[in-house]
Amino acid sequence: EYLWEPGVNLDDITISDPTLTVANDTGEPIEVEYTVWVSNGICEVLDTVDVIVYPLPVIEMEDIVVCDNDWVGLDTQVDGQHTWQPEWVFDDPTAADQQIQVADDQTIFVEVENSWGCGSSDTFEILVLASPQARFIANPVEGCAPLTVTIENLSNNLEGVDYFWELSNGVTSSEEAPVF
């Protein structure tokens, strides 16, 4: 007969080889001493086992949306040895803090191993949006008062681009090609 104590985290306290499952989200090692009493009905012995459970690094990277060729700062906020992939995106794929310039969508994988040799990983997306263009001409650009100036939009933007004009005299417009 077997009896394990404490019975916490054991799948069965009455067998010789129970499975122990211990989570550790404390950030520090957890040490638990387990004692087993073994009896054949006449004789009884006991033994102890110390179990140390090291924490996993917790990595929670979120998807990022940027404009093309923007610089992006990446930081897991976790201490440990970092590995970033794909390697070609990073100057030093082992540095904890990263600054990368992105022109295309990227799927980024990062793994961190802490000082106890425990590792975790995360995968996230960097989605790249095309930067809007700003190419305009005004006609005429000079003349006698009252002068009406028409703005011609030469930009080639997709739908959903907002425009905002502000003249030095405080006049504003949100039209794509206003007349002032």
C-alpha atoms as a PDB file:
ATOM      1  CA  GLU A   1       0.000   0.000   0.000  1.00  0.00           C
ATOM      2  CA  TYR A   2       1.150   3.506  -0.818  1.00  0.00           C
ATOM      3  CA  LEU A   3       0.149   6.854   0.578  1.00  0.00           C
ATOM      4  CA  TRP A   4       1.611  10.111  -0.765  1.00  0.00           C
ATOM      5  CA  GLU A   5       1.423  13.461   1.033  1.00  0.00           C
ATOM      6  CA  PRO A   6       0.681  16.139   0.227  1.00  0.00           C
ATOM      7  CA  GLY A   7      -1.831  14.806  -2.247  1.00  0.00           C
ATOM      8  CA  VAL A   8      -1.983  18.098  -4.110  1.00  0.00           C
ATOM      9  CA  ASN A   9      -1.067  17.879  -7.811  1.00  0.00           C
ATOM     10  CA  LEU A  10      -0.856  14.057  -7.790  1.00  0.00           C
ATOM     11  CA  ASP A  11      -3.151  12.039 -10.013  1.00  0.00           C
ATOM     12  CA  ASP A  12      -3.407   9.181  -7.454  1.00  0.00           C
ATOM     13  CA  ILE A  13      -1.970   9.196  -3.924  1.00  0.00           C
ATOM     14  CA  THR A  14      -2.355   5.413  -3.477  1.00  0.00           C
ATOM     15  CA  ILE A  15      -0.050   4.084  -6.237  1.00  0.00           C
ATOM     16  CA  SER A  16       3.724   3.632  -6.412  1.00  0.00           C
ATOM     17  CA  ASP A  17       4.298   5.933  -9.356  1.00  0.00           C
ATOM     18  CA  PRO A  18       1.775   8.768  -9.435  1.00  0.00           C
ATOM     19  CA  THR A  19       1.978  11.542 -11.999  1.00  0.00           C
ATOM     20  CA  LEU A  20       2.740  14.956 -10.577  1.00  0.00           C
ATOM     21  CA  THR A  21       1.540  18.060 -12.418  1.00  0.00           C
ATOM     22  CA  VAL A  22       2.627  21.390 -10.982  1.00  0.00           C
ATOM     23  CA  ALA A  23       2.070  24.740 -12.640  1.00  0.00           C
ATOM     24  CA  ASN A  24       4.313  27.630 -11.684  1.00  0.00           C
ATOM     25  CA  ASP A  25       3.339  31.172 -12.578  1.00  0.00           C
ATOM     26  CA  THR A  26       5.129  32.780  -9.620  1.00  0.00           C
ATOM     27  CA  GLY A  27       8.260  33.804 -11.533  1.00  0.00           C
ATOM     28  CA  GLU A  28      10.421  31.923  -8.994  1.00  0.00           C
ATOM     29  CA  PRO A  29      11.132  28.215  -8.448  1.00  0.00           C
ATOM     30  CA  ILE A  30       8.669  26.291  -6.299  1.00  0.00           C
ATOM     31  CA  GLU A  31      10.006  23.482  -4.113  1.00  0.00           C
ATOM     32  CA  VAL A  32       7.632  20.864  -2.742  1.00  0.00           C
ATOM     33  CA  GLU A  33       8.577  17.926  -0.535  1.00  0.00           C
ATOM     34  CA  TYR A  34       6.509  14.786  -1.051  1.00  0.00           C
ATOM     35  CA  THR A  35       6.497  11.926   1.427  1.00  0.00           C
ATOM     36  CA  VAL A  36       5.398   8.395   0.612  1.00  0.00           C
ATOM     37  CA  TRP A  37       4.476   5.782   3.211  1.00  0.00           C
ATOM     38  CA  VAL A  38       4.811   2.229   1.938  1.00  0.00           C
ATOM     39  CA  SER A  39       3.305  -0.695   3.826  1.00  0.00           C
ATOM     40  CA  ASN A  40       3.086  -4.423   3.151  1.00  0.00           C
ATOM     41  CA  GLY A  41       0.570  -4.797   5.967  1.00  0.00           C
ATOM     42  CA  ILE A  42       3.228  -5.584   8.575  1.00  0.00           C
ATOM     43  CA  CYS A  43       6.182  -3.317   7.928  1.00  0.00           C
ATOM     44  CA  GLU A  44       6.066   0.325   7.036  1.00  0.00           C
ATOM     45  CA  VAL A  45       8.746   2.601   5.542  1.00  0.00           C
ATOM     46  CA  LEU A  46       8.754   6.127   4.265  1.00  0.00           C
ATOM     47  CA  ASP A  47      10.742   8.144   1.787  1.00  0.00           C
ATOM     48  CA  THR A  48      10.751  11.759   0.716  1.00  0.00           C
ATOM     49  CA  VAL A  49      11.208  13.332  -2.665  1.00  0.00           C
ATOM     50  CA  ASP A  50      11.942  17.001  -3.249  1.00  0.00           C
ATOM     51  CA  VAL A  51      10.489  18.410  -6.450  1.00  0.00           C
ATOM     52  CA  ILE A  52      11.579  21.797  -7.783  1.00  0.00           C
ATOM     53  CA  VAL A  53       9.412  23.362 -10.487  1.00  0.00           C
ATOM     54  CA  TYR A  54      10.917  26.258 -12.414  1.00  0.00           C
ATOM     55  CA  PRO A  55       8.665  28.894 -13.999  1.00  0.00           C
ATOM     56  CA  LEU A  56       8.237  29.298 -17.722  1.00  0.00           C
ATOM     57  CA  PRO A  57       8.844  32.708 -19.247  1.00  0.00           C
ATOM     58  CA  VAL A  58       5.524  34.295 -20.184  1.00  0.00           C
ATOM     59  CA  ILE A  59       5.583  35.822 -23.672  1.00  0.00           C
ATOM     60  CA  GLU A  60       2.510  37.687 -24.896  1.00  0.00           C
ATOM     61  CA  MET A  61       3.275  39.435 -28.181  1.00  0.00           C
ATOM     62  CA  GLU A  62       0.381  41.111 -30.005  1.00  0.00           C
ATOM     63  CA  ASP A  63      -0.110  41.520 -33.743  1.00  0.00           C
ATOM     64  CA  ILE A  64       1.154  44.866 -35.042  1.00  0.00           C
ATOM     65  CA  VAL A  65      -0.114  47.039 -37.918  1.00  0.00           C
ATOM     66  CA  VAL A  66       2.346  49.516 -39.465  1.00  0.00           C
ATOM     67  CA  CYS A  67       2.862  51.500 -42.641  1.00  0.00           C
ATOM     68  CA  ASP A  68       5.373  50.220 -45.170  1.00  0.00           C
ATOM     69  CA  ASN A  69       9.017  50.896 -44.321  1.00  0.00           C
ATOM     70  CA  ASP A  70       8.156  51.960 -40.762  1.00  0.00           C
ATOM     71  CA  TRP A  71      10.516  50.987 -37.961  1.00  0.00           C
ATOM     72  CA  VAL A  72       9.036  48.649 -35.356  1.00  0.00           C
ATOM     73  CA  GLY A  73      10.336  48.125 -31.829  1.00  0.00           C
ATOM     74  CA  LEU A  74       9.910  44.613 -30.453  1.00  0.00           C
ATOM     75  CA  ASP A  75      10.381  43.667 -26.803  1.00  0.00           C
ATOM     76  CA  THR A  76       9.053  40.589 -25.018  1.00  0.00           C
ATOM     77  CA  GLN A  77       9.444  42.217 -21.563  1.00  0.00           C
ATOM     78  CA  VAL A  78      10.955  38.876 -20.471  1.00  0.00           C
ATOM     79  CA  ASP A  79      14.475  38.219 -19.201  1.00  0.00           C
ATOM     80  CA  GLY A  80      16.402  35.411 -20.850  1.00  0.00           C
ATOM     81  CA  GLN A  81      18.087  34.245 -24.023  1.00  0.00           C
ATOM     82  CA  HIS A  82      16.038  35.317 -27.060  1.00  0.00           C
ATOM     83  CA  THR A  83      15.797  33.745 -30.494  1.00  0.00           C
ATOM     84  CA  TRP A  84      13.880  35.707 -33.161  1.00  0.00           C
ATOM     85  CA  GLN A  85      12.856  34.268 -36.531  1.00  0.00           C
ATOM     86  CA  PRO A  86      13.001  34.569 -39.452  1.00  0.00           C
ATOM     87  CA  GLU A  87      16.660  35.344 -38.755  1.00  0.00           C
ATOM     88  CA  TRP A  88      17.132  37.449 -41.906  1.00  0.00           C
ATOM     89  CA  VAL A  89      14.723  40.106 -40.543  1.00  0.00           C
ATOM     90  CA  PHE A  90      16.966  40.846 -37.538  1.00  0.00           C
ATOM     91  CA  ASP A  91      20.486  42.293 -37.326  1.00  0.00           C
ATOM     92  CA  ASP A  92      21.045  40.219 -34.171  1.00  0.00           C
ATOM     93  CA  PRO A  93      18.361  37.520 -33.793  1.00  0.00           C
ATOM     94  CA  THR A  94      19.510  36.853 -30.200  1.00  0.00           C
ATOM     95  CA  ALA A  95      19.055  40.409 -28.866  1.00  0.00           C
ATOM     96  CA  ALA A  96      16.185  40.909 -26.408  1.00  0.00           C
ATOM     97  CA  ASP A  97      15.114  44.299 -27.804  1.00  0.00           C
ATOM     98  CA  GLN A  98      14.706  44.612 -31.555  1.00  0.00           C
ATOM     99  CA  GLN A  99      14.295  47.473 -34.026  1.00  0.00           C
ATOM    100  CA  ILE A 100      13.311  46.323 -37.504  1.00  0.00           C
ATOM    101  CA  GLN A 101      12.132  48.071 -40.641  1.00  0.00           C
ATOM    102  CA  VAL A 102       9.342  46.278 -42.453  1.00  0.00           C
ATOM    103  CA  ALA A 103       8.199  46.568 -46.041  1.00  0.00           C
ATOM    104  CA  ASP A 104       6.073  43.403 -46.261  1.00  0.00           C
ATOM    105  CA  ASP A 105       3.828  41.399 -43.948  1.00  0.00           C
ATOM    106  CA  GLN A 106       5.863  39.244 -41.574  1.00  0.00           C
ATOM    107  CA  THR A 107       5.106  36.295 -39.327  1.00  0.00           C
ATOM    108  CA  ILE A 108       7.500  36.593 -36.406  1.00  0.00           C
ATOM    109  CA  PHE A 109       8.444  33.783 -34.020  1.00  0.00           C
ATOM    110  CA  VAL A 110      10.243  34.476 -30.743  1.00  0.00           C
ATOM    111  CA  GLU A 111      11.488  32.012 -28.165  1.00  0.00           C
ATOM    112  CA  VAL A 112      12.896  32.899 -24.748  1.00  0.00           C
ATOM    113  CA  GLU A 113      14.847  30.616 -22.447  1.00  0.00           C
ATOM    114  CA  ASN A 114      15.121  31.804 -18.849  1.00  0.00           C
ATOM    115  CA  SER A 115      18.022  31.319 -16.428  1.00  0.00           C
ATOM    116  CA  TRP A 116      16.614  27.932 -15.317  1.00  0.00           C
ATOM    117  CA  GLY A 117      16.636  26.592 -18.870  1.00  0.00           C
ATOM    118  CA  CYS A 118      12.865  26.761 -19.297  1.00  0.00           C
ATOM    119  CA  GLY A 119      11.556  28.114 -22.567  1.00  0.00           C
ATOM    120  CA  SER A 120       8.397  29.524 -24.088  1.00  0.00           C
ATOM    121  CA  SER A 121       7.584  30.915 -27.488  1.00  0.00           C
ATOM    122  CA  ASP A 122       5.058  33.055 -29.285  1.00  0.00           C
ATOM    123  CA  THR A 123       4.187  33.826 -32.883  1.00  0.00           C
ATOM    124  CA  PHE A 124       2.661  37.094 -34.034  1.00  0.00           C
ATOM    125  CA  GLU A 125       2.007  39.020 -37.235  1.00  0.00           C
ATOM    126  CA  ILE A 126       3.315  42.333 -38.446  1.00  0.00           C
ATOM    127  CA  LEU A 127       0.823  43.564 -41.039  1.00  0.00           C
ATOM    128  CA  VAL A 128       2.117  46.243 -43.387  1.00  0.00           C
ATOM    129  CA  LEU A 129      -0.218  48.813 -44.913  1.00  0.00           C
ATOM    130  CA  ALA A 130       0.706  50.846 -47.964  1.00  0.00           C
ATOM    131  CA  SER A 131       1.543  54.413 -47.008  1.00  0.00           C
ATOM    132  CA  PRO A 132      -0.796  56.973 -48.546  1.00  0.00           C
ATOM    133  CA  GLN A 133       0.592  59.271 -51.208  1.00  0.00           C
ATOM    134  CA  ALA A 134       0.489  63.046 -51.043  1.00  0.00           C
ATOM    135  CA  ARG A 135       0.951  64.590 -54.486  1.00  0.00           C
ATOM    136  CA  PHE A 136      -1.024  67.723 -55.250  1.00  0.00           C
ATOM    137  CA  ILE A 137      -0.796  70.789 -57.425  1.00  0.00           C
ATOM    138  CA  ALA A 138      -2.547  74.088 -56.938  1.00  0.00           C
ATOM    139  CA  ASN A 139      -3.757  76.190 -59.839  1.00  0.00           C
ATOM    140  CA  PRO A 140      -3.269  79.110 -59.950  1.00  0.00           C
ATOM    141  CA  VAL A 141      -0.561  79.620 -57.328  1.00  0.00           C
ATOM    142  CA  GLU A 142      -0.703  83.407 -57.463  1.00  0.00           C
ATOM    143  CA  GLY A 143      -3.028  86.177 -58.605  1.00  0.00           C
ATOM    144  CA  CYS A 144      -5.076  89.167 -57.599  1.00  0.00           C
ATOM    145  CA  ALA A 145      -7.695  89.066 -54.876  1.00  0.00           C
ATOM    146  CA  PRO A 146     -10.163  87.519 -54.729  1.00  0.00           C
ATOM    147  CA  LEU A 147      -8.133  84.487 -55.885  1.00  0.00           C
ATOM    148  CA  THR A 148      -9.807  81.079 -56.255  1.00  0.00           C
ATOM    149  CA  VAL A 149      -7.311  78.215 -56.058  1.00  0.00           C
ATOM    150  CA  THR A 150      -8.235  74.692 -57.162  1.00  0.00           C
ATOM    151  CA  ILE A 151      -6.295  71.765 -55.719  1.00  0.00           C
ATOM    152  CA  GLU A 152      -5.729  68.839 -58.082  1.00  0.00           C
ATOM    153  CA  ASN A 153      -5.065  65.491 -56.426  1.00  0.00           C
ATOM    154  CA  LEU A 154      -2.341  63.549 -58.281  1.00  0.00           C
ATOM    155  CA  SER A 155      -2.076  60.931 -55.542  1.00  0.00           C
ATOM    156  CA  ASN A 156      -2.920  57.336 -56.306  1.00  0.00           C
ATOM    157  CA  ASN A 157      -4.452  56.256 -52.993  1.00  0.00           C
ATOM    158  CA  LEU A 158      -6.755  53.388 -52.215  1.00  0.00           C
ATOM    159  CA  GLU A 159     -10.195  54.031 -50.745  1.00  0.00           C
ATOM    160  CA  GLY A 160     -10.345  54.902 -47.076  1.00  0.00           C
ATOM    161  CA  VAL A 161      -7.682  57.608 -47.085  1.00  0.00           C
ATOM    162  CA  ASP A 162      -8.610  60.743 -45.122  1.00  0.00           C
ATOM    163  CA  TYR A 163      -7.470  64.186 -46.211  1.00  0.00           C
ATOM    164  CA  PHE A 164      -7.025  67.269 -44.068  1.00  0.00           C
ATOM    165  CA  TRP A 165      -6.039  70.686 -45.337  1.00  0.00           C
ATOM    166  CA  GLU A 166      -5.114  73.615 -43.126  1.00  0.00           C
ATOM    167  CA  LEU A 167      -4.182  76.973 -44.579  1.00  0.00           C
ATOM    168  CA  SER A 168      -2.022  79.506 -42.781  1.00  0.00           C
ATOM    169  CA  ASN A 169      -5.120  81.721 -42.283  1.00  0.00           C
ATOM    170  CA  GLY A 170      -6.874  78.946 -40.288  1.00  0.00           C
ATOM    171  CA  VAL A 171      -9.200  77.743 -43.086  1.00  0.00           C
ATOM    172  CA  THR A 172      -9.532  73.931 -43.103  1.00  0.00           C
ATOM    173  CA  SER A 173     -11.025  71.276 -45.364  1.00  0.00           C
ATOM    174  CA  SER A 174     -11.317  67.488 -45.347  1.00  0.00           C
ATOM    175  CA  GLU A 175     -12.104  67.250 -49.067  1.00  0.00           C
ATOM    176  CA  GLU A 176      -9.807  65.262 -51.320  1.00  0.00           C
ATOM    177  CA  ALA A 177      -9.306  68.186 -53.742  1.00  0.00           C
ATOM    178  CA  PRO A 178     -10.740  71.384 -52.254  1.00  0.00           C
ATOM    179  CA  VAL A 179     -11.201  74.770 -53.819  1.00  0.00           C
ATOM    180  CA  PHE A 180     -10.037  77.740 -51.687  1.00  0.00           C
END
